[in-house]
Structure formats: structure tokens, C-alpha cells
N, C-alpha and C. Protein backbone atom coordinates (compact mmCIF):
# COMPACT_ATOMS: atom_id res chain seq x y z
N UNK A 1 -6.80 -94.02 94.21
CA UNK A 1 -6.63 -93.01 93.19
C UNK A 1 -7.96 -92.68 92.52
N UNK A 2 -8.71 -93.75 92.15
CA UNK A 2 -10.01 -93.49 91.53
C UNK A 2 -10.94 -92.82 92.51
N UNK A 3 -10.80 -93.20 93.75
CA UNK A 3 -11.66 -92.63 94.78
C UNK A 3 -11.41 -91.12 94.91
N UNK A 4 -10.18 -90.70 94.87
CA UNK A 4 -9.82 -89.28 94.97
C UNK A 4 -10.33 -88.51 93.75
N UNK A 5 -10.20 -89.08 92.58
CA UNK A 5 -10.68 -88.42 91.35
C UNK A 5 -12.19 -88.26 91.38
N UNK A 6 -12.89 -89.33 91.85
CA UNK A 6 -14.35 -89.24 91.94
C UNK A 6 -14.76 -88.17 92.94
N UNK A 7 -14.11 -88.14 94.08
CA UNK A 7 -14.42 -87.15 95.10
C UNK A 7 -14.17 -85.74 94.59
N UNK A 8 -13.06 -85.55 93.89
CA UNK A 8 -12.75 -84.24 93.32
C UNK A 8 -13.80 -83.82 92.28
N UNK A 9 -14.22 -84.75 91.45
CA UNK A 9 -15.24 -84.47 90.44
C UNK A 9 -16.58 -84.13 91.09
N UNK A 10 -16.95 -84.85 92.13
CA UNK A 10 -18.21 -84.59 92.85
C UNK A 10 -18.16 -83.21 93.50
N UNK A 11 -17.05 -82.85 94.12
CA UNK A 11 -16.91 -81.53 94.75
C UNK A 11 -16.98 -80.42 93.70
N UNK A 12 -16.30 -80.63 92.59
CA UNK A 12 -16.32 -79.62 91.52
C UNK A 12 -17.73 -79.44 90.95
N UNK A 13 -18.41 -80.53 90.66
CA UNK A 13 -19.77 -80.43 90.15
C UNK A 13 -20.72 -79.83 91.20
N UNK A 14 -20.48 -80.14 92.44
CA UNK A 14 -21.29 -79.56 93.52
C UNK A 14 -21.11 -78.05 93.60
N UNK A 15 -19.87 -77.60 93.49
CA UNK A 15 -19.61 -76.15 93.50
C UNK A 15 -20.26 -75.45 92.30
N UNK A 16 -20.16 -76.05 91.12
CA UNK A 16 -20.80 -75.47 89.95
C UNK A 16 -22.32 -75.43 90.12
N UNK A 17 -22.88 -76.47 90.69
CA UNK A 17 -24.32 -76.50 90.94
C UNK A 17 -24.75 -75.42 91.92
N UNK A 18 -23.98 -75.25 92.99
CA UNK A 18 -24.28 -74.19 93.97
C UNK A 18 -24.17 -72.81 93.34
N UNK A 19 -23.15 -72.62 92.51
CA UNK A 19 -22.98 -71.33 91.84
C UNK A 19 -24.17 -71.05 90.93
N UNK A 20 -24.69 -72.08 90.26
CA UNK A 20 -25.86 -71.91 89.41
C UNK A 20 -27.09 -71.59 90.21
N UNK A 21 -27.27 -72.27 91.35
CA UNK A 21 -28.43 -72.00 92.21
C UNK A 21 -28.40 -70.59 92.78
N UNK A 22 -27.21 -70.13 93.12
CA UNK A 22 -27.05 -68.78 93.67
C UNK A 22 -26.94 -67.71 92.59
N UNK A 23 -26.98 -68.15 91.34
CA UNK A 23 -26.89 -67.27 90.17
C UNK A 23 -25.61 -66.44 90.16
N UNK A 24 -24.53 -67.06 90.54
CA UNK A 24 -23.23 -66.40 90.46
C UNK A 24 -22.77 -66.47 89.02
N UNK A 25 -22.30 -65.36 88.50
CA UNK A 25 -21.83 -65.36 87.12
C UNK A 25 -20.39 -65.86 87.09
N UNK A 26 -20.18 -66.86 86.31
CA UNK A 26 -18.84 -67.42 86.15
C UNK A 26 -18.25 -66.80 84.89
N UNK A 27 -17.43 -65.78 85.07
CA UNK A 27 -16.88 -65.01 83.96
C UNK A 27 -15.74 -65.77 83.28
N UNK A 28 -15.64 -65.63 81.97
CA UNK A 28 -14.48 -66.21 81.28
C UNK A 28 -13.22 -65.43 81.63
N UNK A 29 -12.07 -65.92 81.25
CA UNK A 29 -10.82 -65.20 81.57
C UNK A 29 -10.85 -63.77 81.04
N UNK A 30 -10.09 -62.92 81.67
CA UNK A 30 -10.06 -61.50 81.34
C UNK A 30 -9.72 -61.25 79.88
N UNK A 31 -8.80 -62.00 79.30
CA UNK A 31 -8.41 -61.81 77.90
C UNK A 31 -9.61 -62.01 76.97
N UNK A 32 -10.44 -63.00 77.25
CA UNK A 32 -11.59 -63.29 76.39
C UNK A 32 -12.63 -62.17 76.49
N UNK A 33 -12.74 -61.51 77.64
CA UNK A 33 -13.75 -60.45 77.83
C UNK A 33 -13.38 -59.15 77.14
N UNK A 34 -12.12 -58.80 77.08
CA UNK A 34 -11.74 -57.48 76.57
C UNK A 34 -12.02 -57.34 75.08
N UNK A 35 -11.80 -58.36 74.29
CA UNK A 35 -12.03 -58.24 72.85
C UNK A 35 -13.52 -58.08 72.55
N UNK A 36 -14.37 -58.75 73.29
CA UNK A 36 -15.82 -58.64 73.08
C UNK A 36 -16.36 -57.29 73.50
N UNK A 37 -15.79 -56.70 74.56
CA UNK A 37 -16.26 -55.41 75.03
C UNK A 37 -16.03 -54.31 74.00
N UNK A 38 -14.93 -54.37 73.24
CA UNK A 38 -14.66 -53.37 72.20
C UNK A 38 -15.72 -53.42 71.12
N UNK A 39 -16.09 -54.62 70.72
CA UNK A 39 -17.14 -54.79 69.71
C UNK A 39 -18.46 -54.29 70.24
N UNK A 40 -18.74 -54.60 71.50
CA UNK A 40 -19.99 -54.17 72.12
C UNK A 40 -20.07 -52.65 72.18
N UNK A 41 -18.98 -52.00 72.55
CA UNK A 41 -19.00 -50.54 72.64
C UNK A 41 -19.14 -49.90 71.26
N UNK A 42 -18.56 -50.53 70.23
CA UNK A 42 -18.74 -50.02 68.86
C UNK A 42 -20.19 -50.13 68.43
N UNK A 43 -20.82 -51.26 68.75
CA UNK A 43 -22.23 -51.44 68.41
C UNK A 43 -23.11 -50.45 69.16
N UNK A 44 -22.79 -50.20 70.42
CA UNK A 44 -23.55 -49.22 71.20
C UNK A 44 -23.40 -47.82 70.61
N UNK A 45 -22.20 -47.47 70.16
CA UNK A 45 -21.97 -46.16 69.56
C UNK A 45 -22.76 -46.02 68.25
N UNK A 46 -22.76 -47.08 67.43
CA UNK A 46 -23.52 -47.05 66.18
C UNK A 46 -25.02 -46.94 66.45
N UNK A 47 -25.50 -47.67 67.44
CA UNK A 47 -26.92 -47.62 67.79
C UNK A 47 -27.29 -46.22 68.29
N UNK A 48 -26.42 -45.64 69.09
CA UNK A 48 -26.65 -44.29 69.60
C UNK A 48 -26.71 -43.28 68.46
N UNK A 49 -25.79 -43.39 67.50
CA UNK A 49 -25.77 -42.49 66.35
C UNK A 49 -27.06 -42.63 65.54
N UNK A 50 -27.50 -43.86 65.29
CA UNK A 50 -28.72 -44.08 64.52
C UNK A 50 -29.94 -43.51 65.24
N UNK A 51 -29.98 -43.66 66.56
CA UNK A 51 -31.09 -43.12 67.34
C UNK A 51 -31.13 -41.60 67.27
N UNK A 52 -29.96 -40.98 67.40
CA UNK A 52 -29.88 -39.51 67.32
C UNK A 52 -30.27 -39.04 65.92
N UNK A 53 -29.81 -39.75 64.88
CA UNK A 53 -30.16 -39.37 63.51
C UNK A 53 -31.66 -39.46 63.28
N UNK A 54 -32.30 -40.50 63.80
CA UNK A 54 -33.75 -40.62 63.63
C UNK A 54 -34.49 -39.50 64.35
N UNK A 55 -34.08 -39.20 65.58
CA UNK A 55 -34.70 -38.11 66.32
C UNK A 55 -34.53 -36.79 65.58
N UNK A 56 -33.31 -36.52 65.13
CA UNK A 56 -33.02 -35.26 64.44
C UNK A 56 -33.78 -35.17 63.13
N UNK A 57 -33.82 -36.26 62.36
CA UNK A 57 -34.53 -36.24 61.07
C UNK A 57 -36.01 -35.95 61.28
N UNK A 58 -36.59 -36.55 62.29
CA UNK A 58 -38.01 -36.32 62.57
C UNK A 58 -38.26 -34.87 62.98
N UNK A 59 -37.43 -34.37 63.90
CA UNK A 59 -37.59 -32.97 64.35
C UNK A 59 -37.39 -31.99 63.20
N UNK A 60 -36.35 -32.21 62.40
CA UNK A 60 -36.05 -31.28 61.31
C UNK A 60 -37.15 -31.30 60.24
N UNK A 61 -37.64 -32.47 59.92
CA UNK A 61 -38.72 -32.58 58.94
C UNK A 61 -39.97 -31.85 59.42
N UNK A 62 -40.30 -32.05 60.68
CA UNK A 62 -41.47 -31.36 61.25
C UNK A 62 -41.24 -29.85 61.35
N UNK A 63 -40.01 -29.44 61.62
CA UNK A 63 -39.70 -28.00 61.66
C UNK A 63 -39.90 -27.37 60.29
N UNK A 64 -39.32 -27.99 59.25
CA UNK A 64 -39.43 -27.44 57.89
C UNK A 64 -40.90 -27.37 57.47
N UNK A 65 -41.64 -28.46 57.64
CA UNK A 65 -43.05 -28.46 57.28
C UNK A 65 -43.87 -27.47 58.09
N UNK A 66 -43.57 -27.39 59.38
CA UNK A 66 -44.30 -26.46 60.25
C UNK A 66 -44.05 -25.01 59.90
N UNK A 67 -42.80 -24.66 59.62
CA UNK A 67 -42.48 -23.26 59.29
C UNK A 67 -43.06 -22.88 57.91
N UNK A 68 -43.06 -23.81 56.97
CA UNK A 68 -43.68 -23.52 55.67
C UNK A 68 -45.17 -23.26 55.87
N UNK A 69 -45.82 -24.09 56.66
CA UNK A 69 -47.25 -23.90 56.94
C UNK A 69 -47.50 -22.60 57.68
N UNK A 70 -46.68 -22.31 58.70
CA UNK A 70 -46.85 -21.07 59.47
C UNK A 70 -46.65 -19.85 58.59
N UNK A 71 -45.74 -19.93 57.62
CA UNK A 71 -45.52 -18.78 56.75
C UNK A 71 -46.77 -18.47 55.94
N UNK A 72 -47.46 -19.50 55.49
CA UNK A 72 -48.71 -19.27 54.76
C UNK A 72 -49.76 -18.59 55.63
N UNK A 73 -49.68 -18.77 56.94
CA UNK A 73 -50.63 -18.17 57.87
C UNK A 73 -50.12 -16.85 58.45
N UNK A 74 -49.08 -16.27 57.88
CA UNK A 74 -48.69 -14.93 58.32
C UNK A 74 -47.24 -14.73 58.68
N UNK A 75 -46.41 -15.71 58.62
CA UNK A 75 -44.99 -15.52 58.91
C UNK A 75 -44.41 -16.65 59.72
N UNK A 76 -43.10 -16.67 59.80
CA UNK A 76 -42.41 -17.71 60.55
C UNK A 76 -42.63 -17.51 62.04
N UNK A 77 -42.63 -18.60 62.79
CA UNK A 77 -42.82 -18.50 64.24
C UNK A 77 -41.50 -18.74 64.98
N UNK A 78 -41.25 -17.98 66.04
CA UNK A 78 -40.03 -18.18 66.83
C UNK A 78 -40.22 -19.17 67.98
N UNK A 79 -41.34 -19.88 68.00
CA UNK A 79 -41.65 -20.78 69.11
C UNK A 79 -41.79 -22.21 68.61
N UNK A 80 -40.95 -23.09 69.11
CA UNK A 80 -41.00 -24.50 68.70
C UNK A 80 -42.29 -25.17 69.17
N UNK A 81 -42.81 -24.77 70.33
CA UNK A 81 -44.03 -25.41 70.83
C UNK A 81 -45.23 -25.11 69.94
N UNK A 82 -45.22 -23.97 69.26
CA UNK A 82 -46.30 -23.65 68.31
C UNK A 82 -46.28 -24.64 67.15
N UNK A 83 -45.10 -25.12 66.80
CA UNK A 83 -44.95 -26.10 65.72
C UNK A 83 -45.17 -27.53 66.23
N UNK A 84 -45.40 -27.68 67.53
CA UNK A 84 -45.58 -29.01 68.11
C UNK A 84 -44.28 -29.75 68.30
N UNK A 85 -43.18 -29.03 68.43
CA UNK A 85 -41.85 -29.65 68.58
C UNK A 85 -41.35 -29.50 70.01
N UNK A 86 -40.72 -30.56 70.47
CA UNK A 86 -40.04 -30.53 71.77
C UNK A 86 -38.67 -31.14 71.59
N UNK A 87 -37.65 -30.35 71.80
CA UNK A 87 -36.27 -30.82 71.63
C UNK A 87 -35.89 -31.65 72.85
N UNK A 88 -35.38 -32.87 72.63
CA UNK A 88 -34.98 -33.71 73.76
C UNK A 88 -33.87 -33.06 74.58
N UNK A 89 -33.79 -33.45 75.85
CA UNK A 89 -32.77 -32.90 76.73
C UNK A 89 -31.36 -33.30 76.30
N UNK A 90 -31.24 -34.31 75.46
CA UNK A 90 -29.94 -34.77 75.00
C UNK A 90 -29.38 -33.91 73.87
N UNK A 91 -30.14 -32.88 73.45
CA UNK A 91 -29.70 -32.01 72.36
C UNK A 91 -29.82 -30.54 72.76
N UNK A 92 -28.88 -29.75 72.25
CA UNK A 92 -28.95 -28.30 72.39
C UNK A 92 -29.54 -27.76 71.09
N UNK A 93 -30.37 -26.73 71.21
CA UNK A 93 -30.99 -26.18 70.00
C UNK A 93 -30.78 -24.68 69.92
N UNK A 94 -30.78 -24.19 68.69
CA UNK A 94 -30.68 -22.76 68.43
C UNK A 94 -31.65 -22.43 67.30
N UNK A 95 -32.59 -21.54 67.58
CA UNK A 95 -33.62 -21.16 66.62
C UNK A 95 -33.40 -19.70 66.23
N UNK A 96 -33.30 -19.44 64.92
CA UNK A 96 -33.14 -18.08 64.41
C UNK A 96 -34.26 -17.78 63.43
N UNK A 97 -34.92 -16.65 63.64
CA UNK A 97 -36.05 -16.25 62.79
C UNK A 97 -35.83 -14.83 62.30
N UNK A 98 -36.07 -14.63 61.01
CA UNK A 98 -36.10 -13.28 60.43
C UNK A 98 -37.29 -13.26 59.48
N UNK A 99 -37.65 -12.11 58.95
CA UNK A 99 -38.78 -12.09 58.00
C UNK A 99 -38.53 -12.94 56.74
N UNK A 100 -37.26 -13.15 56.36
CA UNK A 100 -36.95 -13.89 55.14
C UNK A 100 -36.63 -15.36 55.34
N UNK A 101 -36.30 -15.77 56.60
CA UNK A 101 -35.93 -17.16 56.80
C UNK A 101 -36.08 -17.58 58.26
N UNK A 102 -36.17 -18.90 58.44
CA UNK A 102 -36.20 -19.51 59.77
C UNK A 102 -35.21 -20.67 59.76
N UNK A 103 -34.41 -20.80 60.81
CA UNK A 103 -33.44 -21.90 60.86
C UNK A 103 -33.40 -22.49 62.25
N UNK A 104 -33.14 -23.79 62.29
CA UNK A 104 -33.01 -24.52 63.54
C UNK A 104 -31.72 -25.34 63.48
N UNK A 105 -30.90 -25.22 64.52
CA UNK A 105 -29.67 -26.00 64.64
C UNK A 105 -29.79 -26.90 65.87
N UNK A 106 -29.46 -28.17 65.70
CA UNK A 106 -29.45 -29.12 66.81
C UNK A 106 -28.04 -29.66 66.98
N UNK A 107 -27.58 -29.69 68.23
CA UNK A 107 -26.28 -30.24 68.57
C UNK A 107 -26.47 -31.31 69.65
N UNK A 108 -26.44 -32.57 69.26
CA UNK A 108 -26.54 -33.63 70.28
C UNK A 108 -25.32 -33.60 71.19
N UNK A 109 -25.53 -33.93 72.43
CA UNK A 109 -24.44 -33.90 73.40
C UNK A 109 -23.51 -35.11 73.29
N UNK A 110 -23.99 -36.24 72.76
CA UNK A 110 -23.18 -37.46 72.75
C UNK A 110 -22.70 -37.87 71.36
N UNK A 111 -22.97 -37.06 70.34
CA UNK A 111 -22.59 -37.38 68.96
C UNK A 111 -21.93 -36.15 68.36
N UNK A 112 -20.93 -36.35 67.50
CA UNK A 112 -20.20 -35.23 66.90
C UNK A 112 -20.97 -34.55 65.76
N UNK A 113 -21.97 -35.21 65.19
CA UNK A 113 -22.72 -34.62 64.08
C UNK A 113 -23.58 -33.46 64.56
N UNK A 114 -23.83 -32.55 63.62
CA UNK A 114 -24.75 -31.44 63.86
C UNK A 114 -25.86 -31.53 62.83
N UNK A 115 -26.99 -30.95 63.14
CA UNK A 115 -28.16 -31.00 62.26
C UNK A 115 -28.69 -29.58 62.08
N UNK A 116 -28.94 -29.21 60.84
CA UNK A 116 -29.44 -27.87 60.52
C UNK A 116 -30.65 -27.99 59.60
N UNK A 117 -31.62 -27.12 59.83
CA UNK A 117 -32.77 -27.02 58.92
C UNK A 117 -33.01 -25.54 58.68
N UNK A 118 -33.40 -25.22 57.45
CA UNK A 118 -33.66 -23.82 57.12
C UNK A 118 -34.82 -23.74 56.14
N UNK A 119 -35.64 -22.73 56.35
CA UNK A 119 -36.72 -22.40 55.42
C UNK A 119 -36.49 -20.96 54.99
N UNK A 120 -36.37 -20.73 53.68
CA UNK A 120 -36.12 -19.39 53.13
C UNK A 120 -37.25 -19.02 52.18
N UNK A 121 -37.47 -17.73 52.07
CA UNK A 121 -38.39 -17.24 51.05
C UNK A 121 -37.62 -17.05 49.76
N UNK A 122 -38.05 -17.72 48.70
CA UNK A 122 -37.46 -17.60 47.38
C UNK A 122 -38.59 -17.19 46.45
N UNK A 123 -38.52 -15.98 45.92
CA UNK A 123 -39.60 -15.43 45.09
C UNK A 123 -40.93 -15.52 45.83
N UNK A 124 -40.91 -15.16 47.10
CA UNK A 124 -42.08 -15.13 47.98
C UNK A 124 -42.70 -16.51 48.22
N UNK A 125 -41.94 -17.58 47.92
CA UNK A 125 -42.38 -18.94 48.18
C UNK A 125 -41.40 -19.57 49.17
N UNK A 126 -41.91 -20.17 50.25
CA UNK A 126 -41.00 -20.80 51.21
C UNK A 126 -40.40 -22.10 50.66
N UNK A 127 -39.10 -22.25 50.82
CA UNK A 127 -38.37 -23.45 50.42
C UNK A 127 -37.56 -23.90 51.63
N UNK A 128 -37.54 -25.20 51.89
CA UNK A 128 -36.84 -25.67 53.07
C UNK A 128 -36.05 -26.94 52.82
N UNK A 129 -35.07 -27.16 53.70
CA UNK A 129 -34.23 -28.36 53.64
C UNK A 129 -33.68 -28.63 55.04
N UNK A 130 -33.45 -29.91 55.33
CA UNK A 130 -32.81 -30.34 56.57
C UNK A 130 -31.52 -31.06 56.21
N UNK A 131 -30.45 -30.81 56.97
CA UNK A 131 -29.13 -31.34 56.63
C UNK A 131 -28.41 -31.84 57.88
N UNK A 132 -27.40 -32.71 57.64
CA UNK A 132 -26.52 -33.15 58.72
C UNK A 132 -25.08 -33.04 58.25
N UNK A 133 -24.19 -32.79 59.20
CA UNK A 133 -22.79 -32.68 58.86
C UNK A 133 -21.97 -32.40 60.11
N UNK A 134 -20.72 -32.07 59.91
CA UNK A 134 -19.84 -31.75 61.02
C UNK A 134 -19.16 -30.42 60.76
N UNK A 135 -18.76 -29.78 61.84
CA UNK A 135 -18.07 -28.50 61.71
C UNK A 135 -19.02 -27.36 61.45
N UNK A 136 -18.45 -26.26 61.00
CA UNK A 136 -19.25 -25.06 60.72
C UNK A 136 -19.83 -25.16 59.32
N UNK A 137 -21.12 -24.90 59.23
CA UNK A 137 -21.81 -24.98 57.93
C UNK A 137 -21.69 -23.65 57.20
N UNK A 138 -21.56 -23.73 55.91
CA UNK A 138 -21.58 -22.52 55.08
C UNK A 138 -23.02 -22.12 54.81
N UNK A 139 -23.23 -21.24 53.85
CA UNK A 139 -24.59 -20.81 53.54
C UNK A 139 -25.37 -21.89 52.78
N UNK A 140 -26.67 -21.90 52.97
CA UNK A 140 -27.54 -22.79 52.20
C UNK A 140 -27.57 -22.27 50.77
N UNK A 141 -27.67 -23.20 49.80
CA UNK A 141 -27.57 -22.81 48.40
C UNK A 141 -28.87 -23.12 47.68
N UNK A 142 -29.26 -22.21 46.80
CA UNK A 142 -30.43 -22.43 45.97
C UNK A 142 -30.01 -23.24 44.75
N UNK A 143 -30.67 -24.38 44.54
CA UNK A 143 -30.36 -25.26 43.41
C UNK A 143 -31.62 -25.37 42.56
N UNK A 144 -31.71 -24.51 41.56
CA UNK A 144 -32.93 -24.43 40.76
C UNK A 144 -34.02 -23.80 41.61
N UNK A 145 -35.11 -24.52 41.80
CA UNK A 145 -36.20 -24.02 42.64
C UNK A 145 -36.15 -24.61 44.04
N UNK A 146 -35.12 -25.42 44.33
CA UNK A 146 -35.00 -26.09 45.62
C UNK A 146 -33.87 -25.48 46.44
N UNK A 147 -34.04 -25.55 47.73
CA UNK A 147 -33.00 -25.11 48.65
C UNK A 147 -32.09 -26.30 48.92
N UNK A 148 -30.78 -26.10 48.83
CA UNK A 148 -29.82 -27.18 49.03
C UNK A 148 -28.99 -26.97 50.28
N UNK A 149 -28.37 -28.04 50.73
CA UNK A 149 -27.53 -28.00 51.93
C UNK A 149 -26.23 -27.25 51.67
N UNK A 150 -25.60 -26.75 52.72
CA UNK A 150 -24.28 -26.15 52.57
C UNK A 150 -23.28 -27.18 52.04
N UNK A 151 -22.21 -26.72 51.45
CA UNK A 151 -21.19 -27.61 50.91
C UNK A 151 -20.66 -28.58 51.95
N UNK A 152 -20.59 -29.86 51.61
CA UNK A 152 -20.08 -30.87 52.53
C UNK A 152 -21.12 -31.43 53.48
N UNK A 153 -22.34 -30.93 53.45
CA UNK A 153 -23.42 -31.41 54.31
C UNK A 153 -24.36 -32.27 53.49
N UNK A 154 -25.09 -33.18 54.14
CA UNK A 154 -25.96 -34.13 53.47
C UNK A 154 -27.41 -33.85 53.84
N UNK A 155 -28.28 -33.83 52.82
CA UNK A 155 -29.71 -33.64 53.06
C UNK A 155 -30.27 -34.88 53.77
N UNK A 156 -31.13 -34.64 54.75
CA UNK A 156 -31.75 -35.75 55.47
C UNK A 156 -33.26 -35.67 55.31
N UNK A 157 -33.89 -36.83 55.37
CA UNK A 157 -35.34 -36.89 55.33
C UNK A 157 -35.81 -37.74 56.50
N UNK A 158 -37.02 -37.51 56.92
CA UNK A 158 -37.60 -38.27 58.01
C UNK A 158 -37.96 -39.66 57.50
N UNK A 159 -37.39 -40.72 58.06
CA UNK A 159 -37.70 -42.06 57.57
C UNK A 159 -39.17 -42.42 57.74
N UNK A 160 -39.85 -41.85 58.73
CA UNK A 160 -41.27 -42.13 58.91
C UNK A 160 -42.10 -41.53 57.80
N UNK A 161 -41.73 -40.34 57.33
CA UNK A 161 -42.46 -39.72 56.22
C UNK A 161 -42.25 -40.53 54.95
N UNK A 162 -41.02 -40.98 54.72
CA UNK A 162 -40.70 -41.77 53.54
C UNK A 162 -41.46 -43.10 53.58
N UNK A 163 -41.53 -43.74 54.75
CA UNK A 163 -42.22 -45.03 54.88
C UNK A 163 -43.72 -44.86 54.65
N UNK A 164 -44.30 -43.78 55.14
CA UNK A 164 -45.73 -43.53 54.94
C UNK A 164 -46.06 -43.26 53.49
N UNK A 165 -45.21 -42.53 52.79
CA UNK A 165 -45.48 -42.20 51.40
C UNK A 165 -45.32 -43.43 50.50
N UNK A 166 -44.44 -44.37 50.87
CA UNK A 166 -44.25 -45.58 50.10
C UNK A 166 -45.40 -46.55 50.29
N UNK A 167 -46.07 -46.52 51.45
CA UNK A 167 -47.14 -47.47 51.71
C UNK A 167 -48.46 -47.05 51.07
N UNK A 168 -48.56 -45.81 50.60
CA UNK A 168 -49.82 -45.35 49.96
C UNK A 168 -49.84 -45.62 48.50
């Protein structure tokens, strides 16, 4: 009896050793894997959203600053490359320019949020804001001397600009 138990233990340990040498993955039972995968996919979705928000905030901040600068040099530009912007392939963009305002809309393909930036002339001075939200945006609102986001939308800032200004 002891001999059989020892032999069984040696065979089992031998198989585990061979599996380790061959780098075979020994998966836990199916029930244990499914609960972890849901958490993993939630974390991946949150990470994807944060990445898209950072990309959009950076692009929108550079768009607003670029269009304000371009206006001082003669008017808004209808070309993103003139502003040094390149929209990633993961986003759709729509640029609208008129003599009184410039706006950029970004729609990421993998996230439900939308991002809007607008620069308007207010008393011949350019004012701009970048916003994020969902659904159709209403008109941008003037709040004192500042341009504000449409109702239900949130103003966004580039985290890199904020970090640089805090370090000085």
C-alpha cells in the first residue's frame, strides 16, 4: 500500500515537473477563472477610457491654444497640421471654421464619450474651452468673460499643462 502511494506521488510530481519544464500553463478550474476575467475586463475598460481622455485633453488644449494664437496672426485656420495636431486613427474628427469661431469635435471609436473644443470671438477677443460629455451638445455659453461648456458637459484641461504650471 505504501509502495503504491509513493509510486503515485512520484508519478504526479514527475508530471508536474515535466509540465513546468515544457511551460504548460496549468489553469485553475473554469469557475475560478470567470470571476477574475470580469474584473480584468472592467480594469481594461477603465484604462482605455483614461487613455482616451488624456489623448483628447491634450489635443483639445493644443487646439484651443493654437487657434487663439492663429487668430492673432490673421484668423482661424481650417488645417489641424498647421496647429501641429494629428488626430489618432482611433478617433473621428470634425473641424468647423467660420470668421467668428473655430470648433473641433472628437469621437473615439471605442468609448461613448465625445470631446468638443471651441474658440469664439467675444468683443474681438478669442475665448476658448474644451469639454467632454455624451450625446448632442447644446451651444457653448459665455460666463462672464469666459467661454463655458454646453449644459451637462464638463470642462477638461490637459493634465500635462497643469503639471507643468504646478512645477514652476
